[in-house]
C-alpha atoms as a PDB file:
ATOM      1  CA  MET A   1       6.103   8.507  62.368  1.00  0.00           C
ATOM      2  CA  ALA A   2       6.468   9.489  58.890  1.00  0.00           C
ATOM      3  CA  ASP A   3       8.945   5.847  57.793  1.00  0.00           C
ATOM      4  CA  ASN A   4       6.709   4.406  55.297  1.00  0.00           C
ATOM      5  CA  ARG A   5       7.121   7.619  53.106  1.00  0.00           C
ATOM      6  CA  SER A   6       7.465   6.186  50.102  1.00  0.00           C
ATOM      7  CA  GLU A   7      10.832   7.499  46.951  1.00  0.00           C
ATOM      8  CA  LYS A   8       8.040   8.968  44.693  1.00  0.00           C
ATOM      9  CA  ASN A   9       7.395  11.127  47.666  1.00  0.00           C
ATOM     10  CA  LYS A  10      11.166  12.510  47.391  1.00  0.00           C
ATOM     11  CA  ASP A  11      10.230  15.731  46.042  1.00  0.00           C
ATOM     12  CA  LYS A  12       7.486  16.548  48.092  1.00  0.00           C
ATOM     13  CA  TYR A  13       7.116  19.432  50.609  1.00  0.00           C
ATOM     14  CA  TYR A  14       5.144  20.033  53.090  1.00  0.00           C
ATOM     15  CA  HIS A  15       3.853  23.164  55.497  1.00  0.00           C
ATOM     16  CA  ILE A  16       5.007  23.873  58.571  1.00  0.00           C
ATOM     17  CA  SER A  17       1.253  23.543  59.726  1.00  0.00           C
ATOM     18  CA  THR A  18       1.395  19.790  58.526  1.00  0.00           C
ATOM     19  CA  VAL A  19       5.276  18.836  59.987  1.00  0.00           C
ATOM     20  CA  ALA A  20       3.664  19.682  63.628  1.00  0.00           C
ATOM     21  CA  ASN A  21       0.648  18.043  63.413  1.00  0.00           C
ATOM     22  CA  ILE A  22       2.684  14.882  62.047  1.00  0.00           C
ATOM     23  CA  TYR A  23       5.210  14.706  64.770  1.00  0.00           C
ATOM     24  CA  ASP A  24       3.492  16.138  67.511  1.00  0.00           C
ATOM     25  CA  VAL A  25       5.643  19.352  68.184  1.00  0.00           C
ATOM     26  CA  HIS A  26       4.473  22.526  68.264  1.00  0.00           C
ATOM     27  CA  PRO A  27       5.242  25.361  65.247  1.00  0.00           C
ATOM     28  CA  GLN A  28       7.111  27.302  67.353  1.00  0.00           C
ATOM     29  CA  THR A  29       9.536  24.516  68.251  1.00  0.00           C
ATOM     30  CA  LEU A  30      10.457  23.559  64.734  1.00  0.00           C
ATOM     31  CA  ARG A  31      11.122  27.598  64.065  1.00  0.00           C
ATOM     32  CA  LEU A  32      13.543  27.320  66.827  1.00  0.00           C
ATOM     33  CA  TYR A  33      14.963  24.828  65.485  1.00  0.00           C
ATOM     34  CA  GLU A  34      15.335  26.725  62.265  1.00  0.00           C
ATOM     35  CA  ARG A  35      16.879  29.484  64.551  1.00  0.00           C
ATOM     36  CA  GLU A  36      19.226  27.597  66.279  1.00  0.00           C
ATOM     37  CA  GLY A  37      20.868  26.322  62.396  1.00  0.00           C
ATOM     38  CA  LEU A  38      19.765  22.843  63.207  1.00  0.00           C
ATOM     39  CA  LEU A  39      16.749  22.534  60.570  1.00  0.00           C
ATOM     40  CA  LYS A  40      17.052  24.425  57.341  1.00  0.00           C
ATOM     41  CA  PRO A  41      13.953  24.227  55.379  1.00  0.00           C
ATOM     42  CA  SER A  42      13.408  25.891  52.044  1.00  0.00           C
ATOM     43  CA  ARG A  43      11.258  28.482  51.283  1.00  0.00           C
ATOM     44  CA  SER A  44       8.088  29.286  48.829  1.00  0.00           C
ATOM     45  CA  LYS A  45       8.614  32.804  47.048  1.00  0.00           C
ATOM     46  CA  GLY A  46       5.928  34.027  49.544  1.00  0.00           C
ATOM     47  CA  ASN A  47       8.757  33.508  52.815  1.00  0.00           C
ATOM     48  CA  THR A  48       6.698  29.810  53.633  1.00  0.00           C
ATOM     49  CA  ARG A  49       8.855  27.452  55.178  1.00  0.00           C
ATOM     50  CA  LEU A  50       8.844  24.154  53.015  1.00  0.00           C
ATOM     51  CA  TYR A  51       9.759  21.200  54.416  1.00  0.00           C
ATOM     52  CA  SER A  52      11.176  18.229  52.751  1.00  0.00           C
ATOM     53  CA  GLU A  53      11.973  14.508  52.977  1.00  0.00           C
ATOM     54  CA  ASP A  54      15.373  15.707  54.388  1.00  0.00           C
ATOM     55  CA  ASP A  55      14.236  18.141  56.729  1.00  0.00           C
ATOM     56  CA  LEU A  56      12.002  15.428  57.895  1.00  0.00           C
ATOM     57  CA  GLU A  57      14.360  12.857  58.462  1.00  0.00           C
ATOM     58  CA  GLN A  58      16.281  15.397  60.290  1.00  0.00           C
ATOM     59  CA  LEU A  59      13.861  16.452  61.883  1.00  0.00           C
ATOM     60  CA  GLU A  60      13.203  13.006  63.643  1.00  0.00           C
ATOM     61  CA  PHE A  61      16.944  12.316  64.405  1.00  0.00           C
ATOM     62  CA  ILE A  62      16.485  15.784  66.262  1.00  0.00           C
ATOM     63  CA  LEU A  63      12.984  14.513  67.881  1.00  0.00           C
ATOM     64  CA  ASN A  64      15.200  11.161  68.617  1.00  0.00           C
ATOM     65  CA  LEU A  65      17.798  12.404  70.386  1.00  0.00           C
ATOM     66  CA  THR A  66      15.741  15.246  72.224  1.00  0.00           C
ATOM     67  CA  ARG A  67      12.306  13.311  72.842  1.00  0.00           C
ATOM     68  CA  ASP A  68      14.159   9.545  73.507  1.00  0.00           C
ATOM     69  CA  LEU A  69      17.692  10.303  74.754  1.00  0.00           C
ATOM     70  CA  GLY A  70      16.894  13.584  77.241  1.00  0.00           C
ATOM     71  CA  VAL A  71      19.550  15.708  74.800  1.00  0.00           C
ATOM     72  CA  ASN A  72      19.287  19.256  75.255  1.00  0.00           C
ATOM     73  CA  LEU A  73      19.562  21.205  72.272  1.00  0.00           C
ATOM     74  CA  ALA A  74      23.036  22.042  72.413  1.00  0.00           C
ATOM     75  CA  GLY A  75      24.069  18.297  72.980  1.00  0.00           C
ATOM     76  CA  VAL A  76      21.767  17.839  69.761  1.00  0.00           C
ATOM     77  CA  GLU A  77      24.373  20.326  67.722  1.00  0.00           C
ATOM     78  CA  VAL A  78      27.408  18.623  68.683  1.00  0.00           C
ATOM     79  CA  VAL A  79      25.861  15.291  67.918  1.00  0.00           C
ATOM     80  CA  MET A  80      24.930  16.630  64.656  1.00  0.00           C
ATOM     81  CA  ASN A  81      28.644  18.310  63.902  1.00  0.00           C
ATOM     82  CA  MET A  82      30.080  15.264  64.463  1.00  0.00           C
ATOM     83  CA  ARG A  83      27.633  12.901  62.584  1.00  0.00           C
ATOM     84  CA  GLN A  84      28.178  14.955  59.495  1.00  0.00           C
ATOM     85  CA  LYS A  85      32.238  15.016  60.295  1.00  0.00           C
ATOM     86  CA  MET A  86      31.395  10.791  60.122  1.00  0.00           C
ATOM     87  CA  GLU A  87      30.035  11.039  57.145  1.00  0.00           C
ATOM     88  CA  THR A  88      32.891  12.960  55.471  1.00  0.00           C
ATOM     89  CA  ILE A  89      35.393  10.871  57.170  1.00  0.00           C
ATOM     90  CA  GLU A  90      33.840   8.012  55.666  1.00  0.00           C
ATOM     91  CA  LYS A  91      33.711   9.643  51.991  1.00  0.00           C
ATOM     92  CA  GLU A  92      37.202  10.540  52.578  1.00  0.00           C
ATOM     93  CA  VAL A  93      38.325   6.604  53.559  1.00  0.00           C
ATOM     94  CA  ASN A  94      36.266   5.390  50.626  1.00  0.00           C
ATOM     95  CA  GLU A  95      37.624   7.527  48.135  1.00  0.00           C
ATOM     96  CA  PHE A  96      40.884   6.750  49.103  1.00  0.00           C
ATOM     97  CA  LEU A  97      40.131   2.736  49.064  1.00  0.00           C
ATOM     98  CA  ASN A  98      39.058   3.720  46.018  1.00  0.00           C
ATOM     99  CA  TYR A  99      42.298   5.092  44.811  1.00  0.00           C
ATOM    100  CA  ILE A 100      44.143   2.604  45.880  1.00  0.00           C
ATOM    101  CA  ARG A 101      42.339  -0.206  44.702  1.00  0.00           C
ATOM    102  CA  ILE A 102      42.638   1.890  41.184  1.00  0.00           C
ATOM    103  CA  GLU A 103      47.081   2.148  41.641  1.00  0.00           C
ATOM    104  CA  PHE A 104      48.364  -0.761  42.805  1.00  0.00           C
ATOM    105  CA  PHE A 105      45.494  -4.200  41.866  1.00  0.00           C
ATOM    106  CA  GLU A 106      43.392  -2.848  38.872  1.00  0.00           C
ATOM    107  CA  GLY A 107      45.502  -4.405  35.711  1.00  0.00           C
ATOM    108  CA  ARG A 108      47.439  -6.761  37.898  1.00  0.00           C
ATOM    109  CA  GLU A 109      44.352  -9.529  38.387  1.00  0.00           C
ATOM    110  CA  GLU A 110      46.489 -11.564  36.734  1.00  0.00           C
ATOM    111  CA  GLU A 111      49.655 -11.104  39.258  1.00  0.00           C
ATOM    112  CA  PHE A 112      48.101 -11.506  42.086  1.00  0.00           C
ATOM    113  CA  GLU A 113      45.929 -14.365  41.071  1.00  0.00           C
ATOM    114  CA  ILE A 114      49.220 -16.323  40.262  1.00  0.00           C
ATOM    115  CA  LYS A 115      50.942 -15.039  43.669  1.00  0.00           C
ATOM    116  CA  LYS A 116      48.236 -16.916  45.769  1.00  0.00           C
ATOM    117  CA  ASP A 117      47.876 -19.607  43.699  1.00  0.00           C
ATOM    118  CA  SER A 118      52.096 -20.126  44.376  1.00  0.00           C
ATOM    119  CA  ILE A 119      51.589 -20.248  47.689  1.00  0.00           C
ATOM    120  CA  VAL A 120      52.539 -24.036  49.515  1.00  0.00           C
ATOM    121  CA  ARG A 121      49.641 -25.559  51.432  1.00  0.00           C
ATOM    122  CA  ILE A 122      51.133 -28.261  54.121  1.00  0.00           C
ATOM    123  CA  ASN A 123      48.872 -30.424  55.538  1.00  0.00           C
ATOM    124  CA  PRO A 124      48.571 -30.425  59.369  1.00  0.00           C
ATOM    125  CA  THR A 125      50.489 -33.363  61.202  1.00  0.00           C
ATOM    126  CA  LYS A 126      49.290 -34.931  64.041  1.00  0.00           C
ATOM    127  CA  ILE A 127      51.406 -34.783  67.274  1.00  0.00           C
ATOM    128  CA  VAL A 128      52.218 -37.932  69.000  1.00  0.00           C
ATOM    129  CA  LYS A 129      53.230 -37.578  72.669  1.00  0.00           C
ATOM    130  CA  ILE A 130      55.844 -39.232  73.516  1.00  0.00           C
ATOM    131  CA  GLU A 131      56.548 -40.224  77.283  1.00  0.00           C
ATOM    132  CA  LYS A 132      60.141 -39.564  78.845  1.00  0.00           C
ATOM    133  CA  LYS A 133      61.280 -42.514  80.581  1.00  0.00           C
ATOM    134  CA  GLU A 134      62.981 -41.646  83.788  1.00  0.00           C
ATOM    135  CA  THR A 135      66.674 -43.097  84.414  1.00  0.00           C
ATOM    136  CA  TYR A 136      67.884 -43.044  88.061  1.00  0.00           C
ATOM    137  CA  ARG A 137      71.610 -42.059  88.040  1.00  0.00           C
ATOM    138  CA  LYS A 138      73.023 -44.120  91.124  1.00  0.00           C
ATOM    139  CA  LYS A 139      74.686 -42.559  93.913  1.00  0.00           C
END
């Protein structure tokens, strides 16, 4: 669809009719997505909807769910909320890992290098199978 957009188009905005033509959807569908809170285009001074590149990416995600996967709008909302929560969790985990790296490892690199080199490595030995001789007892 619009995958080949370049970085210079990041500040570009599109009118509702242009977006409807690009993605082969009716403008009323785009208005419905906005009413449902799935899309949030910005507005011009004349109150015209202006779709940014981020809005178009969001629309592509919505259309992928509805057209290709058969998800209804309530399901799209659930998926989008879960996606947003996952992104938040991922951000928090990365911040936590960065905190741990700074708190516990920064400035102590030499100490960890010494400990890494202090591990004694033993070459594996060959296992020799010893056959047990059967001994017979006399009764």
